[in-house]
């Protein structure tokens, strides 16, 4: 049995159950399982008020090593919510939230 098939058949269903349990109890969950470099499964349950650190971790997992994709997600989030980062400021991302951003979903991390 391949590692991916094992993940699909055995690990993912258990993680889905754990995610449901976490949701029912107000917990956020992120689980990432890599069966070979660059190929992975991700189980995510985000509570609406989950913290930025947790959301950044999720963005890093989604980017799968692509630094540009990760930074774009961070910059989008910062444009909606603001930030206090010297580095983002140097990249031209204003510290104050952009009033013209249409929706928070555009800046989901």
PDB file of N, CA and C in Angstrom:
ATOM      1  N   UNK A   1       0.855  -1.172   0.000  1.00  0.00           N
ATOM      2  CA  UNK A   1       0.000   0.000   0.000  1.00  0.00           C
ATOM      3  C   UNK A   1       0.903   1.238   0.000  1.00  0.00           C
ATOM      4  N   UNK A   2       0.567   2.180  -0.859  1.00  0.00           N
ATOM      5  CA  UNK A   2       1.349   3.416  -0.914  1.00  0.00           C
ATOM      6  C   UNK A   2       1.077   4.255   0.334  1.00  0.00           C
ATOM      7  N   UNK A   3       2.013   5.130   0.638  1.00  0.00           N
ATOM      8  CA  UNK A   3       1.851   6.013   1.793  1.00  0.00           C
ATOM      9  C   UNK A   3       0.639   6.923   1.608  1.00  0.00           C
ATOM     10  N   UNK A   4       0.415   7.401   0.385  1.00  0.00           N
ATOM     11  CA  UNK A   4      -0.745   8.262   0.131  1.00  0.00           C
ATOM     12  C   UNK A   4      -2.045   7.505   0.353  1.00  0.00           C
ATOM     13  N   UNK A   5      -2.112   6.283  -0.121  1.00  0.00           N
ATOM     14  CA  UNK A   5      -3.327   5.485   0.064  1.00  0.00           C
ATOM     15  C   UNK A   5      -3.555   5.209   1.553  1.00  0.00           C
ATOM     16  N   UNK A   6      -2.480   4.923   2.268  1.00  0.00           N
ATOM     17  CA  UNK A   6      -2.608   4.708   3.704  1.00  0.00           C
ATOM     18  C   UNK A   6      -3.176   5.960   4.372  1.00  0.00           C
ATOM     19  N   UNK A   7      -2.642   7.125   3.995  1.00  0.00           N
ATOM     20  CA  UNK A   7      -3.159   8.383   4.525  1.00  0.00           C
ATOM     21  C   UNK A   7      -4.646   8.509   4.213  1.00  0.00           C
ATOM     22  N   UNK A   8      -5.002   8.325   2.947  1.00  0.00           N
ATOM     23  CA  UNK A   8      -6.402   8.468   2.524  1.00  0.00           C
ATOM     24  C   UNK A   8      -7.335   7.502   3.254  1.00  0.00           C
ATOM     25  N   UNK A   9      -6.894   6.268   3.415  1.00  0.00           N
ATOM     26  CA  UNK A   9      -7.766   5.231   3.978  1.00  0.00           C
ATOM     27  C   UNK A   9      -7.789   5.208   5.502  1.00  0.00           C
ATOM     28  N   UNK A  10      -6.679   5.583   6.146  1.00  0.00           N
ATOM     29  CA  UNK A  10      -6.579   5.403   7.592  1.00  0.00           C
ATOM     30  C   UNK A  10      -6.429   6.703   8.385  1.00  0.00           C
ATOM     31  N   UNK A  11      -5.596   7.596   7.908  1.00  0.00           N
ATOM     32  CA  UNK A  11      -5.299   8.805   8.677  1.00  0.00           C
ATOM     33  C   UNK A  11      -6.364   9.882   8.472  1.00  0.00           C
ATOM     34  N   UNK A  12      -6.675  10.195   7.222  1.00  0.00           N
ATOM     35  CA  UNK A  12      -7.628  11.276   6.927  1.00  0.00           C
ATOM     36  C   UNK A  12      -8.992  11.087   7.613  1.00  0.00           C
ATOM     37  N   UNK A  13      -9.568   9.877   7.571  1.00  0.00           N
ATOM     38  CA  UNK A  13     -10.865   9.729   8.256  1.00  0.00           C
ATOM     39  C   UNK A  13     -10.785  10.010   9.758  1.00  0.00           C
ATOM     40  N   UNK A  14      -9.695   9.605  10.401  1.00  0.00           N
ATOM     41  CA  UNK A  14      -9.536   9.877  11.834  1.00  0.00           C
ATOM     42  C   UNK A  14      -9.379  11.378  12.078  1.00  0.00           C
ATOM     43  N   UNK A  15      -8.619  12.031  11.222  1.00  0.00           N
ATOM     44  CA  UNK A  15      -8.452  13.476  11.372  1.00  0.00           C
ATOM     45  C   UNK A  15      -9.766  14.217  11.165  1.00  0.00           C
ATOM     46  N   UNK A  16     -10.595  13.762  10.230  1.00  0.00           N
ATOM     47  CA  UNK A  16     -11.912  14.384  10.041  1.00  0.00           C
ATOM     48  C   UNK A  16     -12.751  14.267  11.308  1.00  0.00           C
ATOM     49  N   UNK A  17     -12.712  13.114  11.940  1.00  0.00           N
ATOM     50  CA  UNK A  17     -13.460  12.929  13.189  1.00  0.00           C
ATOM     51  C   UNK A  17     -12.921  13.840  14.286  1.00  0.00           C
ATOM     52  N   UNK A  18     -11.616  13.934  14.396  1.00  0.00           N
ATOM     53  CA  UNK A  18     -11.006  14.820  15.396  1.00  0.00           C
ATOM     54  C   UNK A  18     -11.385  16.269  15.106  1.00  0.00           C
ATOM     55  N   UNK A  19     -11.381  16.655  13.822  1.00  0.00           N
ATOM     56  CA  UNK A  19     -11.757  18.031  13.449  1.00  0.00           C
ATOM     57  C   UNK A  19     -13.203  18.322  13.848  1.00  0.00           C
ATOM     58  N   UNK A  20     -14.101  17.364  13.646  1.00  0.00           N
ATOM     59  CA  UNK A  20     -15.502  17.548  14.044  1.00  0.00           C
ATOM     60  C   UNK A  20     -15.613  17.717  15.559  1.00  0.00           C
ATOM     61  N   UNK A  21     -14.867  16.926  16.294  1.00  0.00           N
ATOM     62  CA  UNK A  21     -14.863  17.017  17.749  1.00  0.00           C
ATOM     63  C   UNK A  21     -14.322  18.372  18.198  1.00  0.00           C
ATOM     64  N   UNK A  22     -13.260  18.820  17.553  1.00  0.00           N
ATOM     65  CA  UNK A  22     -12.697  20.138  17.876  1.00  0.00           C
ATOM     66  C   UNK A  22     -13.710  21.242  17.596  1.00  0.00           C
ATOM     67  N   UNK A  23     -14.362  21.174  16.452  1.00  0.00           N
ATOM     68  CA  UNK A  23     -15.363  22.182  16.091  1.00  0.00           C
ATOM     69  C   UNK A  23     -16.463  22.243  17.142  1.00  0.00           C
ATOM     70  N   UNK A  24     -16.943  21.084  17.557  1.00  0.00           N
ATOM     71  CA  UNK A  24     -18.030  21.023  18.537  1.00  0.00           C
ATOM     72  C   UNK A  24     -17.620  21.597  19.891  1.00  0.00           C
ATOM     73  N   UNK A  25     -16.320  21.650  20.141  1.00  0.00           N
ATOM     74  CA  UNK A  25     -15.834  22.114  21.435  1.00  0.00           C
ATOM     75  C   UNK A  25     -15.067  23.432  21.360  1.00  0.00           C
ATOM     76  N   UNK A  26     -15.232  24.145  20.230  1.00  0.00           N
ATOM     77  CA  UNK A  26     -14.658  25.476  20.115  1.00  0.00           C
ATOM     78  C   UNK A  26     -13.158  25.522  19.897  1.00  0.00           C
ATOM     79  N   UNK A  27     -12.587  24.457  19.361  1.00  0.00           N
ATOM     80  CA  UNK A  27     -11.147  24.395  19.137  1.00  0.00           C
ATOM     81  C   UNK A  27     -10.821  24.484  17.649  1.00  0.00           C
ATOM     82  N   UNK A  28      -9.735  25.146  17.335  1.00  0.00           N
ATOM     83  CA  UNK A  28      -9.214  25.137  15.974  1.00  0.00           C
ATOM     84  C   UNK A  28      -8.230  23.979  15.855  1.00  0.00           C
ATOM     85  N   UNK A  29      -8.124  23.444  14.650  1.00  0.00           N
ATOM     86  CA  UNK A  29      -7.225  22.315  14.402  1.00  0.00           C
ATOM     87  C   UNK A  29      -6.578  22.472  13.041  1.00  0.00           C
ATOM     88  N   UNK A  30      -5.289  22.197  12.981  1.00  0.00           N
ATOM     89  CA  UNK A  30      -4.575  22.088  11.718  1.00  0.00           C
ATOM     90  C   UNK A  30      -3.675  20.867  11.818  1.00  0.00           C
ATOM     91  N   UNK A  31      -3.863  19.932  10.915  1.00  0.00           N
ATOM     92  CA  UNK A  31      -3.015  18.746  10.854  1.00  0.00           C
ATOM     93  C   UNK A  31      -2.511  18.614   9.426  1.00  0.00           C
ATOM     94  N   UNK A  32      -1.212  18.445   9.288  1.00  0.00           N
ATOM     95  CA  UNK A  32      -0.593  18.288   7.979  1.00  0.00           C
ATOM     96  C   UNK A  32       0.205  16.991   8.013  1.00  0.00           C
ATOM     97  N   UNK A  33      -0.023  16.149   7.024  1.00  0.00           N
ATOM     98  CA  UNK A  33       0.672  14.873   6.940  1.00  0.00           C
ATOM     99  C   UNK A  33       1.289  14.774   5.543  1.00  0.00           C
ATOM    100  N   UNK A  34       2.602  14.628   5.492  1.00  0.00           N
ATOM    101  CA  UNK A  34       3.313  14.553   4.210  1.00  0.00           C
ATOM    102  C   UNK A  34       3.723  13.102   3.952  1.00  0.00           C
ATOM    103  N   UNK A  35       3.296  12.571   2.799  1.00  0.00           N
ATOM    104  CA  UNK A  35       3.669  11.195   2.481  1.00  0.00           C
ATOM    105  C   UNK A  35       4.892  11.129   1.578  1.00  0.00           C
ATOM    106  N   UNK A  36       5.208  12.222   0.928  1.00  0.00           N
ATOM    107  CA  UNK A  36       6.480  12.353   0.211  1.00  0.00           C
ATOM    108  C   UNK A  36       6.713  13.842   0.005  1.00  0.00           C
ATOM    109  N   UNK A  37       7.960  14.260  -0.204  1.00  0.00           N
ATOM    110  CA  UNK A  37       8.224  15.692  -0.314  1.00  0.00           C
ATOM    111  C   UNK A  37       7.314  16.384  -1.331  1.00  0.00           C
ATOM    112  N   UNK A  38       6.607  17.413  -0.844  1.00  0.00           N
ATOM    113  CA  UNK A  38       5.722  18.192  -1.706  1.00  0.00           C
ATOM    114  C   UNK A  38       4.308  17.664  -1.830  1.00  0.00           C
ATOM    115  N   UNK A  39       4.057  16.470  -1.336  1.00  0.00           N
ATOM    116  CA  UNK A  39       2.712  15.886  -1.409  1.00  0.00           C
ATOM    117  C   UNK A  39       2.206  15.611  -0.002  1.00  0.00           C
ATOM    118  N   UNK A  40       1.076  16.217   0.301  1.00  0.00           N
ATOM    119  CA  UNK A  40       0.579  16.134   1.672  1.00  0.00           C
ATOM    120  C   UNK A  40      -0.933  16.248   1.705  1.00  0.00           C
ATOM    121  N   UNK A  41      -1.480  15.881   2.830  1.00  0.00           N
ATOM    122  CA  UNK A  41      -2.888  16.098   3.125  1.00  0.00           C
ATOM    123  C   UNK A  41      -2.972  17.070   4.281  1.00  0.00           C
ATOM    124  N   UNK A  42      -4.025  17.874   4.284  1.00  0.00           N
ATOM    125  CA  UNK A  42      -4.188  18.894   5.323  1.00  0.00           C
ATOM    126  C   UNK A  42      -5.624  18.839   5.813  1.00  0.00           C
ATOM    127  N   UNK A  43      -5.785  18.784   7.121  1.00  0.00           N
ATOM    128  CA  UNK A  43      -7.098  18.839   7.752  1.00  0.00           C
ATOM    129  C   UNK A  43      -7.149  20.129   8.550  1.00  0.00           C
ATOM    130  N   UNK A  44      -8.190  20.919   8.304  1.00  0.00           N
ATOM    131  CA  UNK A  44      -8.279  22.230   8.926  1.00  0.00           C
ATOM    132  C   UNK A  44      -9.672  22.468   9.480  1.00  0.00           C
ATOM    133  N   UNK A  45      -9.714  22.957  10.711  1.00  0.00           N
ATOM    134  CA  UNK A  45     -10.957  23.410  11.329  1.00  0.00           C
ATOM    135  C   UNK A  45     -10.605  24.704  12.037  1.00  0.00           C
ATOM    136  N   UNK A  46     -11.007  25.823  11.460  1.00  0.00           N
ATOM    137  CA  UNK A  46     -10.702  27.131  12.042  1.00  0.00           C
ATOM    138  C   UNK A  46     -11.926  27.694  12.746  1.00  0.00           C
ATOM    139  N   UNK A  47     -11.755  28.045  13.995  1.00  0.00           N
ATOM    140  CA  UNK A  47     -12.787  28.786  14.693  1.00  0.00           C
ATOM    141  C   UNK A  47     -12.747  30.223  14.173  1.00  0.00           C
ATOM    142  N   UNK A  48     -13.878  30.916  14.138  1.00  0.00           N
ATOM    143  CA  UNK A  48     -13.903  32.290  13.612  1.00  0.00           C
ATOM    144  C   UNK A  48     -12.906  33.229  14.292  1.00  0.00           C
ATOM    145  N   UNK A  49     -12.640  33.019  15.544  1.00  0.00           N
ATOM    146  CA  UNK A  49     -11.740  33.912  16.279  1.00  0.00           C
ATOM    147  C   UNK A  49     -10.341  33.312  16.449  1.00  0.00           C
ATOM    148  N   UNK A  50      -9.950  32.398  15.563  1.00  0.00           N
ATOM    149  CA  UNK A  50      -8.616  31.806  15.691  1.00  0.00           C
ATOM    150  C   UNK A  50      -7.540  32.878  15.524  1.00  0.00           C
ATOM    151  N   UNK A  51      -6.420  32.661  16.159  1.00  0.00           N
ATOM    152  CA  UNK A  51      -5.349  33.654  16.192  1.00  0.00           C
ATOM    153  C   UNK A  51      -4.548  33.743  14.908  1.00  0.00           C
ATOM    154  N   UNK A  52      -3.856  34.862  14.767  1.00  0.00           N
ATOM    155  CA  UNK A  52      -3.060  35.110  13.568  1.00  0.00           C
ATOM    156  C   UNK A  52      -1.929  34.094  13.444  1.00  0.00           C
ATOM    157  N   UNK A  53      -1.319  33.682  14.541  1.00  0.00           N
ATOM    158  CA  UNK A  53      -0.250  32.688  14.481  1.00  0.00           C
ATOM    159  C   UNK A  53      -0.728  31.374  13.896  1.00  0.00           C
ATOM    160  N   UNK A  54      -1.917  30.975  14.304  1.00  0.00           N
ATOM    161  CA  UNK A  54      -2.500  29.739  13.797  1.00  0.00           C
ATOM    162  C   UNK A  54      -2.813  29.871  12.306  1.00  0.00           C
ATOM    163  N   UNK A  55      -3.359  31.019  11.923  1.00  0.00           N
ATOM    164  CA  UNK A  55      -3.694  31.253  10.522  1.00  0.00           C
ATOM    165  C   UNK A  55      -2.431  31.357   9.652  1.00  0.00           C
ATOM    166  N   UNK A  56      -1.378  31.944  10.200  1.00  0.00           N
ATOM    167  CA  UNK A  56      -0.116  31.994   9.464  1.00  0.00           C
ATOM    168  C   UNK A  56       0.441  30.587   9.249  1.00  0.00           C
ATOM    169  N   UNK A  57       0.324  29.751  10.261  1.00  0.00           N
ATOM    170  CA  UNK A  57       0.781  28.372  10.136  1.00  0.00           C
ATOM    171  C   UNK A  57       0.008  27.659   9.028  1.00  0.00           C
ATOM    172  N   UNK A  58      -1.290  27.888   8.963  1.00  0.00           N
ATOM    173  CA  UNK A  58      -2.094  27.300   7.901  1.00  0.00           C
ATOM    174  C   UNK A  58      -1.664  27.820   6.526  1.00  0.00           C
ATOM    175  N   UNK A  59      -1.405  29.113   6.434  1.00  0.00           N
ATOM    176  CA  UNK A  59      -0.963  29.687   5.154  1.00  0.00           C
ATOM    177  C   UNK A  59       0.366  29.091   4.712  1.00  0.00           C
ATOM    178  N   UNK A  60       1.259  28.888   5.659  1.00  0.00           N
ATOM    179  CA  UNK A  60       2.547  28.278   5.326  1.00  0.00           C
ATOM    180  C   UNK A  60       2.346  26.853   4.810  1.00  0.00           C
ATOM    181  N   UNK A  61       1.449  26.114   5.438  1.00  0.00           N
ATOM    182  CA  UNK A  61       1.174  24.751   4.977  1.00  0.00           C
ATOM    183  C   UNK A  61       0.573  24.767   3.573  1.00  0.00           C
ATOM    184  N   UNK A  62      -0.371  25.669   3.333  1.00  0.00           N
ATOM    185  CA  UNK A  62      -0.994  25.772   2.004  1.00  0.00           C
ATOM    186  C   UNK A  62       0.017  26.170   0.937  1.00  0.00           C
ATOM    187  N   UNK A  63       0.974  27.027   1.299  1.00  0.00           N
ATOM    188  CA  UNK A  63       1.968  27.498   0.334  1.00  0.00           C
ATOM    189  C   UNK A  63       2.930  26.379  -0.071  1.00  0.00           C
ATOM    190  N   UNK A  64       3.072  25.374   0.773  1.00  0.00           N
ATOM    191  CA  UNK A  64       3.861  24.182   0.441  1.00  0.00           C
ATOM    192  C   UNK A  64       5.275  24.531  -0.033  1.00  0.00           C
ATOM    193  N   UNK A  65       5.910  25.443   0.689  1.00  0.00           N
ATOM    194  CA  UNK A  65       7.276  25.809   0.353  1.00  0.00           C
ATOM    195  C   UNK A  65       7.408  26.972  -0.612  1.00  0.00           C
ATOM    196  N   UNK A  66       6.309  27.460  -1.154  1.00  0.00           N
ATOM    197  CA  UNK A  66       6.343  28.582  -2.091  1.00  0.00           C
ATOM    198  C   UNK A  66       6.293  29.877  -1.275  1.00  0.00           C
ATOM    199  N   UNK A  67       7.454  30.488  -1.106  1.00  0.00           N
ATOM    200  CA  UNK A  67       7.563  31.687  -0.276  1.00  0.00           C
ATOM    201  C   UNK A  67       6.712  32.819  -0.846  1.00  0.00           C
ATOM    202  N   UNK A  68       6.657  32.954  -2.172  1.00  0.00           N
ATOM    203  CA  UNK A  68       5.845  34.008  -2.778  1.00  0.00           C
ATOM    204  C   UNK A  68       4.371  33.845  -2.419  1.00  0.00           C
ATOM    205  N   UNK A  69       3.859  32.621  -2.508  1.00  0.00           N
ATOM    206  CA  UNK A  69       2.452  32.377  -2.170  1.00  0.00           C
ATOM    207  C   UNK A  69       2.191  32.716  -0.702  1.00  0.00           C
ATOM    208  N   UNK A  70       3.125  32.355   0.164  1.00  0.00           N
ATOM    209  CA  UNK A  70       2.967  32.654   1.583  1.00  0.00           C
ATOM    210  C   UNK A  70       2.972  34.165   1.824  1.00  0.00           C
ATOM    211  N   UNK A  71       3.925  34.865   1.240  1.00  0.00           N
ATOM    212  CA  UNK A  71       4.003  36.311   1.442  1.00  0.00           C
ATOM    213  C   UNK A  71       2.793  37.040   0.866  1.00  0.00           C
ATOM    214  N   UNK A  72       2.292  36.588  -0.264  1.00  0.00           N
ATOM    215  CA  UNK A  72       1.090  37.198  -0.845  1.00  0.00           C
ATOM    216  C   UNK A  72      -0.081  37.054   0.131  1.00  0.00           C
ATOM    217  N   UNK A  73      -0.226  35.873   0.736  1.00  0.00           N
ATOM    218  CA  UNK A  73      -1.307  35.669   1.717  1.00  0.00           C
ATOM    219  C   UNK A  73      -1.132  36.591   2.917  1.00  0.00           C
ATOM    220  N   UNK A  74       0.091  36.727   3.397  1.00  0.00           N
ATOM    221  CA  UNK A  74       0.364  37.598   4.545  1.00  0.00           C
ATOM    222  C   UNK A  74       0.067  39.050   4.184  1.00  0.00           C
ATOM    223  N   UNK A  75       0.491  39.466   3.002  1.00  0.00           N
ATOM    224  CA  UNK A  75       0.275  40.853   2.581  1.00  0.00           C
ATOM    225  C   UNK A  75      -1.212  41.152   2.407  1.00  0.00           C
ATOM    226  N   UNK A  76      -1.973  40.219   1.850  1.00  0.00           N
ATOM    227  CA  UNK A  76      -3.421  40.419   1.699  1.00  0.00           C
ATOM    228  C   UNK A  76      -4.083  40.578   3.064  1.00  0.00           C
ATOM    229  N   UNK A  77      -3.697  39.725   3.986  1.00  0.00           N
ATOM    230  CA  UNK A  77      -4.266  39.797   5.336  1.00  0.00           C
ATOM    231  C   UNK A  77      -3.916  41.143   5.976  1.00  0.00           C
ATOM    232  N   UNK A  78      -2.690  41.575   5.830  1.00  0.00           N
ATOM    233  CA  UNK A  78      -2.243  42.839   6.429  1.00  0.00           C
ATOM    234  C   UNK A  78      -2.977  44.039   5.836  1.00  0.00           C
ATOM    235  N   UNK A  79      -3.303  43.986   4.565  1.00  0.00           N
ATOM    236  CA  UNK A  79      -4.026  45.107   3.942  1.00  0.00           C
ATOM    237  C   UNK A  79      -5.433  45.254   4.516  1.00  0.00           C
ATOM    238  N   UNK A  80      -6.024  44.165   4.931  1.00  0.00           N
ATOM    239  CA  UNK A  80      -7.371  44.211   5.499  1.00  0.00           C
ATOM    240  C   UNK A  80      -7.343  44.510   6.997  1.00  0.00           C
ATOM    241  N   UNK A  81      -6.411  43.901   7.702  1.00  0.00           N
ATOM    242  CA  UNK A  81      -6.409  43.975   9.165  1.00  0.00           C
ATOM    243  C   UNK A  81      -5.361  44.921   9.745  1.00  0.00           C
ATOM    244  N   UNK A  82      -4.455  45.399   8.903  1.00  0.00           N
ATOM    245  CA  UNK A  82      -3.353  46.213   9.407  1.00  0.00           C
ATOM    246  C   UNK A  82      -2.248  45.333   9.957  1.00  0.00           C
ATOM    247  N   UNK A  83      -1.125  45.955  10.310  1.00  0.00           N
ATOM    248  CA  UNK A  83       0.012  45.200  10.833  1.00  0.00           C
ATOM    249  C   UNK A  83       0.980  46.145  11.527  1.00  0.00           C
ATOM    250  N   UNK A  84       1.963  45.585  12.170  1.00  0.00           N
ATOM    251  CA  UNK A  84       3.012  46.363  12.812  1.00  0.00           C
ATOM    252  C   UNK A  84       4.386  45.885  12.369  1.00  0.00           C
ATOM    253  N   UNK A  85       4.467  45.387  11.137  1.00  0.00           N
ATOM    254  CA  UNK A  85       5.698  44.781  10.645  1.00  0.00           C
ATOM    255  C   UNK A  85       6.563  45.775   9.873  1.00  0.00           C
ATOM    256  N   UNK A  86       7.804  45.888  10.288  1.00  0.00           N
ATOM    257  CA  UNK A  86       8.764  46.716   9.566  1.00  0.00           C
ATOM    258  C   UNK A  86       8.976  46.175   8.150  1.00  0.00           C
ATOM    259  N   UNK A  87       9.025  44.865   8.018  1.00  0.00           N
ATOM    260  CA  UNK A  87       9.282  44.252   6.714  1.00  0.00           C
ATOM    261  C   UNK A  87       8.125  44.460   5.744  1.00  0.00           C
ATOM    262  N   UNK A  88       6.904  44.305   6.227  1.00  0.00           N
ATOM    263  CA  UNK A  88       5.760  44.560   5.348  1.00  0.00           C
ATOM    264  C   UNK A  88       5.720  46.027   4.944  1.00  0.00           C
ATOM    265  N   UNK A  89       6.059  46.886   5.869  1.00  0.00           N
ATOM    266  CA  UNK A  89       6.098  48.313   5.548  1.00  0.00           C
ATOM    267  C   UNK A  89       7.125  48.584   4.446  1.00  0.00           C
ATOM    268  N   UNK A  90       8.275  47.949   4.541  1.00  0.00           N
ATOM    269  CA  UNK A  90       9.315  48.104   3.507  1.00  0.00           C
ATOM    270  C   UNK A  90       8.851  47.568   2.155  1.00  0.00           C
ATOM    271  N   UNK A  91       7.952  46.595   2.185  1.00  0.00           N
ATOM    272  CA  UNK A  91       7.389  46.053   0.938  1.00  0.00           C
ATOM    273  C   UNK A  91       6.233  46.899   0.410  1.00  0.00           C
ATOM    274  N   UNK A  92       5.910  47.982   1.096  1.00  0.00           N
ATOM    275  CA  UNK A  92       4.865  48.888   0.637  1.00  0.00           C
ATOM    276  C   UNK A  92       3.477  48.569   1.129  1.00  0.00           C
ATOM    277  N   UNK A  93       3.371  47.679   2.126  1.00  0.00           N
ATOM    278  CA  UNK A  93       2.061  47.352   2.688  1.00  0.00           C
ATOM    279  C   UNK A  93       1.770  48.340   3.809  1.00  0.00           C
ATOM    280  N   UNK A  94       0.715  49.162   3.648  1.00  0.00           N
ATOM    281  CA  UNK A  94       0.410  50.156   4.680  1.00  0.00           C
ATOM    282  C   UNK A  94       0.077  49.498   6.019  1.00  0.00           C
ATOM    283  N   UNK A  95       0.496  50.139   7.100  1.00  0.00           N
ATOM    284  CA  UNK A  95       0.257  49.594   8.440  1.00  0.00           C
ATOM    285  C   UNK A  95      -1.220  49.641   8.822  1.00  0.00           C
ATOM    286  N   UNK A  96      -1.935  50.627   8.311  1.00  0.00           N
ATOM    287  CA  UNK A  96      -3.369  50.752   8.598  1.00  0.00           C
ATOM    288  C   UNK A  96      -4.171  49.953   7.580  1.00  0.00           C
ATOM    289  N   UNK A  97      -5.284  49.353   8.022  1.00  0.00           N
ATOM    290  CA  UNK A  97      -6.110  48.563   7.094  1.00  0.00           C
ATOM    291  C   UNK A  97      -6.583  49.387   5.904  1.00  0.00           C
ATOM    292  N   UNK A  98      -6.653  48.728   4.781  1.00  0.00           N
ATOM    293  CA  UNK A  98      -7.136  49.351   3.544  1.00  0.00           C
ATOM    294  C   UNK A  98      -8.657  49.400   3.591  1.00  0.00           C
ATOM    295  N   UNK A  99      -9.216  50.587   3.513  1.00  0.00           N
ATOM    296  CA  UNK A  99     -10.678  50.764   3.606  1.00  0.00           C
ATOM    297  C   UNK A  99     -11.394  50.298   2.337  1.00  0.00           C
ATOM    298  N   UNK A 100     -10.664  50.092   1.258  1.00  0.00           N
ATOM    299  CA  UNK A 100     -11.294  49.734  -0.012  1.00  0.00           C
ATOM    300  C   UNK A 100     -11.312  48.237  -0.285  1.00  0.00           C
ATOM    301  N   UNK A 101     -10.758  47.436   0.619  1.00  0.00           N
ATOM    302  CA  UNK A 101     -10.763  45.989   0.405  1.00  0.00           C
ATOM    303  C   UNK A 101     -12.189  45.497   0.508  1.00  0.00           C
ATOM    304  N   UNK A 102     -12.681  44.776  -0.522  1.00  0.00           N
ATOM    305  CA  UNK A 102     -14.087  44.396  -0.572  1.00  0.00           C
ATOM    306  C   UNK A 102     -14.568  43.457   0.523  1.00  0.00           C
ATOM    307  N   UNK A 103     -13.792  42.453   0.892  1.00  0.00           N
ATOM    308  CA  UNK A 103     -14.288  41.533   1.909  1.00  0.00           C
ATOM    309  C   UNK A 103     -13.127  40.863   2.624  1.00  0.00           C
ATOM    310  N   UNK A 104     -13.408  40.406   3.808  1.00  0.00           N
ATOM    311  CA  UNK A 104     -12.385  39.737   4.588  1.00  0.00           C
ATOM    312  C   UNK A 104     -11.986  38.420   3.941  1.00  0.00           C
ATOM    313  N   UNK A 105     -12.869  37.776   3.202  1.00  0.00           N
ATOM    314  CA  UNK A 105     -12.528  36.514   2.570  1.00  0.00           C
ATOM    315  C   UNK A 105     -11.393  36.682   1.559  1.00  0.00           C
ATOM    316  N   UNK A 106     -11.240  37.882   1.009  1.00  0.00           N
ATOM    317  CA  UNK A 106     -10.129  38.133   0.101  1.00  0.00           C
ATOM    318  C   UNK A 106      -8.802  38.112   0.846  1.00  0.00           C
ATOM    319  N   UNK A 107      -8.845  38.294   2.142  1.00  0.00           N
ATOM    320  CA  UNK A 107      -7.623  38.366   2.935  1.00  0.00           C
ATOM    321  C   UNK A 107      -7.514  37.210   3.913  1.00  0.00           C
ATOM    322  N   UNK A 108      -8.215  36.136   3.639  1.00  0.00           N
ATOM    323  CA  UNK A 108      -8.179  34.990   4.554  1.00  0.00           C
ATOM    324  C   UNK A 108      -6.805  34.361   4.539  1.00  0.00           C
ATOM    325  N   UNK A 109      -6.275  34.191   5.703  1.00  0.00           N
ATOM    326  CA  UNK A 109      -4.994  33.505   5.841  1.00  0.00           C
ATOM    327  C   UNK A 109      -5.300  32.091   6.266  1.00  0.00           C
TER     328      UNK A 109
END
